[in-house]
């Protein structure tokens, strides 16, 4: 069993190696994707590698010990596709594979999937320590845009 855990750990580390990213990323359509958290929660500036670790469900607590709650859209959602490719530097199927490995190895859980912008805003607003993503023009004052360091 230890060898499988080591293999999974190595694969996750390899996924976390892509180049750094910005807090919001331009899409081809001129939109930007923003990483969001509850407005009452301020984790400060987080690194690109920390963001990747959070979204592959490898990091389950913030630096202050607050549990992380991850909200995502379905794999086929256009915002999810842009977020995965442009922000995390993964294809959606790679992200899904990372989640599957964590769950099947008994090391983690899937992120909670939401079906709409309104649901994403409501859940992130109501959950301290939560993180999600939206198109920049969909973000309102109820949530905070996280600053991502290179």
C-alpha atoms as a PDB file:
ATOM      1  CA  UNK A   1       0.000   0.000   0.000  1.00  0.00           C
ATOM      2  CA  UNK A   2       2.869   2.413   0.759  1.00  0.00           C
ATOM      3  CA  UNK A   3       4.190   2.094  -2.803  1.00  0.00           C
ATOM      4  CA  UNK A   4       0.828   3.206  -4.219  1.00  0.00           C
ATOM      5  CA  UNK A   5       0.796   6.227  -1.924  1.00  0.00           C
ATOM      6  CA  UNK A   6       4.312   7.103  -3.083  1.00  0.00           C
ATOM      7  CA  UNK A   7       3.298   6.751  -6.732  1.00  0.00           C
ATOM      8  CA  UNK A   8       0.256   8.978  -6.203  1.00  0.00           C
ATOM      9  CA  UNK A   9       2.364  11.555  -4.363  1.00  0.00           C
ATOM     10  CA  UNK A  10       4.927  11.644  -7.193  1.00  0.00           C
ATOM     11  CA  UNK A  11       2.188  12.058  -9.807  1.00  0.00           C
ATOM     12  CA  UNK A  12       0.647  14.938  -7.866  1.00  0.00           C
ATOM     13  CA  UNK A  13       4.034  16.625  -7.492  1.00  0.00           C
ATOM     14  CA  UNK A  14       4.578  16.299 -11.241  1.00  0.00           C
ATOM     15  CA  UNK A  15       1.182  17.919 -11.848  1.00  0.00           C
ATOM     16  CA  UNK A  16       2.177  20.831  -9.611  1.00  0.00           C
ATOM     17  CA  UNK A  17       5.291  21.627 -11.613  1.00  0.00           C
ATOM     18  CA  UNK A  18       3.821  23.711 -14.510  1.00  0.00           C
ATOM     19  CA  UNK A  19       4.733  27.424 -14.737  1.00  0.00           C
ATOM     20  CA  UNK A  20       3.216  29.983 -12.364  1.00  0.00           C
ATOM     21  CA  UNK A  21      -0.045  31.816 -13.026  1.00  0.00           C
ATOM     22  CA  UNK A  22      -1.829  35.084 -12.443  1.00  0.00           C
ATOM     23  CA  UNK A  23      -4.784  35.778 -10.146  1.00  0.00           C
ATOM     24  CA  UNK A  24      -6.995  36.197 -13.180  1.00  0.00           C
ATOM     25  CA  UNK A  25      -6.358  34.974 -16.697  1.00  0.00           C
ATOM     26  CA  UNK A  26      -7.591  36.320 -20.033  1.00  0.00           C
ATOM     27  CA  UNK A  27      -9.592  33.868 -22.097  1.00  0.00           C
ATOM     28  CA  UNK A  28      -9.740  33.975 -25.872  1.00  0.00           C
ATOM     29  CA  UNK A  29     -13.114  35.676 -25.606  1.00  0.00           C
ATOM     30  CA  UNK A  30     -11.635  38.555 -23.607  1.00  0.00           C
ATOM     31  CA  UNK A  31     -13.066  37.360 -20.288  1.00  0.00           C
ATOM     32  CA  UNK A  32     -10.987  36.718 -17.191  1.00  0.00           C
ATOM     33  CA  UNK A  33     -11.244  33.898 -14.683  1.00  0.00           C
ATOM     34  CA  UNK A  34     -10.924  34.888 -11.018  1.00  0.00           C
ATOM     35  CA  UNK A  35     -10.178  32.603  -8.071  1.00  0.00           C
ATOM     36  CA  UNK A  36     -12.573  33.515  -5.261  1.00  0.00           C
ATOM     37  CA  UNK A  37     -13.005  32.989  -1.508  1.00  0.00           C
ATOM     38  CA  UNK A  38     -15.485  34.140   1.120  1.00  0.00           C
ATOM     39  CA  UNK A  39     -15.201  37.895   1.717  1.00  0.00           C
ATOM     40  CA  UNK A  40     -14.826  37.217   5.457  1.00  0.00           C
ATOM     41  CA  UNK A  41     -11.817  34.949   4.845  1.00  0.00           C
ATOM     42  CA  UNK A  42      -8.455  36.423   3.869  1.00  0.00           C
ATOM     43  CA  UNK A  43      -5.689  33.886   3.305  1.00  0.00           C
ATOM     44  CA  UNK A  44      -3.420  36.627   1.957  1.00  0.00           C
ATOM     45  CA  UNK A  45      -1.431  36.064  -1.204  1.00  0.00           C
ATOM     46  CA  UNK A  46      -1.198  32.381  -2.092  1.00  0.00           C
ATOM     47  CA  UNK A  47       1.310  30.753  -4.395  1.00  0.00           C
ATOM     48  CA  UNK A  48       0.439  29.122  -7.691  1.00  0.00           C
ATOM     49  CA  UNK A  49       1.668  25.794  -6.323  1.00  0.00           C
ATOM     50  CA  UNK A  50      -0.553  26.123  -3.247  1.00  0.00           C
ATOM     51  CA  UNK A  51      -3.532  26.844  -5.499  1.00  0.00           C
ATOM     52  CA  UNK A  52      -2.801  23.735  -7.562  1.00  0.00           C
ATOM     53  CA  UNK A  53      -2.411  21.631  -4.395  1.00  0.00           C
ATOM     54  CA  UNK A  54      -5.774  22.900  -3.163  1.00  0.00           C
ATOM     55  CA  UNK A  55      -7.592  22.166  -6.418  1.00  0.00           C
ATOM     56  CA  UNK A  56      -6.124  18.670  -6.807  1.00  0.00           C
ATOM     57  CA  UNK A  57      -7.394  18.113  -3.240  1.00  0.00           C
ATOM     58  CA  UNK A  58      -3.893  17.534  -1.898  1.00  0.00           C
ATOM     59  CA  UNK A  59      -3.933  20.487   0.535  1.00  0.00           C
ATOM     60  CA  UNK A  60      -6.922  20.357   2.869  1.00  0.00           C
ATOM     61  CA  UNK A  61      -6.120  23.232   5.258  1.00  0.00           C
ATOM     62  CA  UNK A  62      -5.054  26.846   4.845  1.00  0.00           C
ATOM     63  CA  UNK A  63      -1.843  28.009   6.520  1.00  0.00           C
ATOM     64  CA  UNK A  64      -3.868  29.175   9.564  1.00  0.00           C
ATOM     65  CA  UNK A  65      -5.442  25.714   9.984  1.00  0.00           C
ATOM     66  CA  UNK A  66      -8.841  26.612   8.502  1.00  0.00           C
ATOM     67  CA  UNK A  67     -10.234  23.662   6.503  1.00  0.00           C
ATOM     68  CA  UNK A  68     -10.312  24.213   2.734  1.00  0.00           C
ATOM     69  CA  UNK A  69     -13.632  23.623   0.955  1.00  0.00           C
ATOM     70  CA  UNK A  70     -13.306  23.482  -2.845  1.00  0.00           C
ATOM     71  CA  UNK A  71     -16.200  24.263  -5.189  1.00  0.00           C
ATOM     72  CA  UNK A  72     -15.995  23.516  -8.913  1.00  0.00           C
ATOM     73  CA  UNK A  73     -18.190  23.441 -11.995  1.00  0.00           C
ATOM     74  CA  UNK A  74     -18.743  20.282 -14.057  1.00  0.00           C
ATOM     75  CA  UNK A  75     -15.918  19.113 -16.314  1.00  0.00           C
ATOM     76  CA  UNK A  76     -17.818  20.251 -19.421  1.00  0.00           C
ATOM     77  CA  UNK A  77     -18.563  23.766 -18.127  1.00  0.00           C
ATOM     78  CA  UNK A  78     -16.726  26.394 -20.254  1.00  0.00           C
ATOM     79  CA  UNK A  79     -15.562  28.326 -17.172  1.00  0.00           C
ATOM     80  CA  UNK A  80     -14.176  25.104 -15.665  1.00  0.00           C
ATOM     81  CA  UNK A  81     -12.336  24.327 -18.890  1.00  0.00           C
ATOM     82  CA  UNK A  82     -10.736  27.788 -18.995  1.00  0.00           C
ATOM     83  CA  UNK A  83      -9.896  27.685 -15.271  1.00  0.00           C
ATOM     84  CA  UNK A  84      -8.314  24.243 -15.555  1.00  0.00           C
ATOM     85  CA  UNK A  85      -6.283  25.014 -18.657  1.00  0.00           C
ATOM     86  CA  UNK A  86      -5.308  28.639 -18.093  1.00  0.00           C
ATOM     87  CA  UNK A  87      -5.050  28.939 -14.317  1.00  0.00           C
ATOM     88  CA  UNK A  88      -4.095  25.456 -13.105  1.00  0.00           C
ATOM     89  CA  UNK A  89      -2.356  24.463 -16.370  1.00  0.00           C
ATOM     90  CA  UNK A  90      -4.233  21.124 -16.459  1.00  0.00           C
ATOM     91  CA  UNK A  91      -6.746  19.752 -18.900  1.00  0.00           C
ATOM     92  CA  UNK A  92     -10.072  19.092 -17.129  1.00  0.00           C
ATOM     93  CA  UNK A  93      -9.558  15.347 -17.596  1.00  0.00           C
ATOM     94  CA  UNK A  94      -6.176  15.579 -15.804  1.00  0.00           C
ATOM     95  CA  UNK A  95      -7.817  17.343 -12.891  1.00  0.00           C
ATOM     96  CA  UNK A  96     -10.546  14.681 -12.796  1.00  0.00           C
ATOM     97  CA  UNK A  97      -7.880  11.960 -12.856  1.00  0.00           C
ATOM     98  CA  UNK A  98      -6.069  13.574  -9.901  1.00  0.00           C
ATOM     99  CA  UNK A  99      -9.356  13.655  -7.943  1.00  0.00           C
ATOM    100  CA  UNK A 100     -10.088  10.033  -8.838  1.00  0.00           C
ATOM    101  CA  UNK A 101      -6.657   8.942  -7.617  1.00  0.00           C
ATOM    102  CA  UNK A 102      -7.099  10.751  -4.294  1.00  0.00           C
ATOM    103  CA  UNK A 103     -10.556   9.248  -3.732  1.00  0.00           C
ATOM    104  CA  UNK A 104      -9.750   5.707  -4.875  1.00  0.00           C
ATOM    105  CA  UNK A 105      -6.570   5.642  -2.773  1.00  0.00           C
ATOM    106  CA  UNK A 106      -8.582   6.715   0.273  1.00  0.00           C
ATOM    107  CA  UNK A 107      -6.547   9.908   0.616  1.00  0.00           C
ATOM    108  CA  UNK A 108      -9.218  12.496  -0.099  1.00  0.00           C
ATOM    109  CA  UNK A 109     -12.640  13.459  -1.411  1.00  0.00           C
ATOM    110  CA  UNK A 110     -13.987  15.023  -4.571  1.00  0.00           C
ATOM    111  CA  UNK A 111     -14.553  18.777  -4.534  1.00  0.00           C
ATOM    112  CA  UNK A 112     -18.177  19.841  -4.315  1.00  0.00           C
ATOM    113  CA  UNK A 113     -19.664  20.478  -7.733  1.00  0.00           C
ATOM    114  CA  UNK A 114     -21.992  23.433  -8.306  1.00  0.00           C
ATOM    115  CA  UNK A 115     -24.260  23.948 -11.285  1.00  0.00           C
ATOM    116  CA  UNK A 116     -24.485  27.727 -11.643  1.00  0.00           C
ATOM    117  CA  UNK A 117     -22.737  31.020 -11.028  1.00  0.00           C
ATOM    118  CA  UNK A 118     -25.336  31.892  -8.381  1.00  0.00           C
ATOM    119  CA  UNK A 119     -24.752  28.611  -6.552  1.00  0.00           C
ATOM    120  CA  UNK A 120     -20.961  29.151  -6.667  1.00  0.00           C
ATOM    121  CA  UNK A 121     -21.352  32.664  -5.232  1.00  0.00           C
ATOM    122  CA  UNK A 122     -23.764  31.511  -2.504  1.00  0.00           C
ATOM    123  CA  UNK A 123     -21.671  28.525  -1.384  1.00  0.00           C
ATOM    124  CA  UNK A 124     -18.343  30.378  -1.391  1.00  0.00           C
ATOM    125  CA  UNK A 125     -19.916  33.333   0.460  1.00  0.00           C
ATOM    126  CA  UNK A 126     -21.426  31.074   3.137  1.00  0.00           C
ATOM    127  CA  UNK A 127     -18.412  28.824   3.746  1.00  0.00           C
ATOM    128  CA  UNK A 128     -15.325  30.166   5.550  1.00  0.00           C
ATOM    129  CA  UNK A 129     -12.161  28.743   4.000  1.00  0.00           C
ATOM    130  CA  UNK A 130     -13.895  27.941   0.739  1.00  0.00           C
ATOM    131  CA  UNK A 131     -12.421  28.545  -2.692  1.00  0.00           C
ATOM    132  CA  UNK A 132     -13.912  28.543  -6.181  1.00  0.00           C
ATOM    133  CA  UNK A 133     -13.654  30.385  -9.472  1.00  0.00           C
ATOM    134  CA  UNK A 134     -15.810  32.511 -11.760  1.00  0.00           C
ATOM    135  CA  UNK A 135     -15.491  34.730 -14.773  1.00  0.00           C
ATOM    136  CA  UNK A 136     -14.334  38.106 -13.478  1.00  0.00           C
ATOM    137  CA  UNK A 137     -17.505  39.869 -14.672  1.00  0.00           C
ATOM    138  CA  UNK A 138     -19.594  37.426 -12.565  1.00  0.00           C
ATOM    139  CA  UNK A 139     -17.830  38.237  -9.262  1.00  0.00           C
ATOM    140  CA  UNK A 140     -19.713  40.465  -6.806  1.00  0.00           C
ATOM    141  CA  UNK A 141     -18.961  42.100  -3.446  1.00  0.00           C
ATOM    142  CA  UNK A 142     -20.037  38.983  -1.527  1.00  0.00           C
ATOM    143  CA  UNK A 143     -16.754  37.205  -2.316  1.00  0.00           C
ATOM    144  CA  UNK A 144     -13.054  38.086  -2.367  1.00  0.00           C
ATOM    145  CA  UNK A 145     -10.763  37.666  -5.384  1.00  0.00           C
ATOM    146  CA  UNK A 146      -7.654  35.829  -4.236  1.00  0.00           C
ATOM    147  CA  UNK A 147      -4.225  37.155  -5.099  1.00  0.00           C
ATOM    148  CA  UNK A 148      -2.015  34.465  -6.622  1.00  0.00           C
ATOM    149  CA  UNK A 149       1.762  34.909  -6.565  1.00  0.00           C
ATOM    150  CA  UNK A 150       3.970  33.811  -9.388  1.00  0.00           C
END
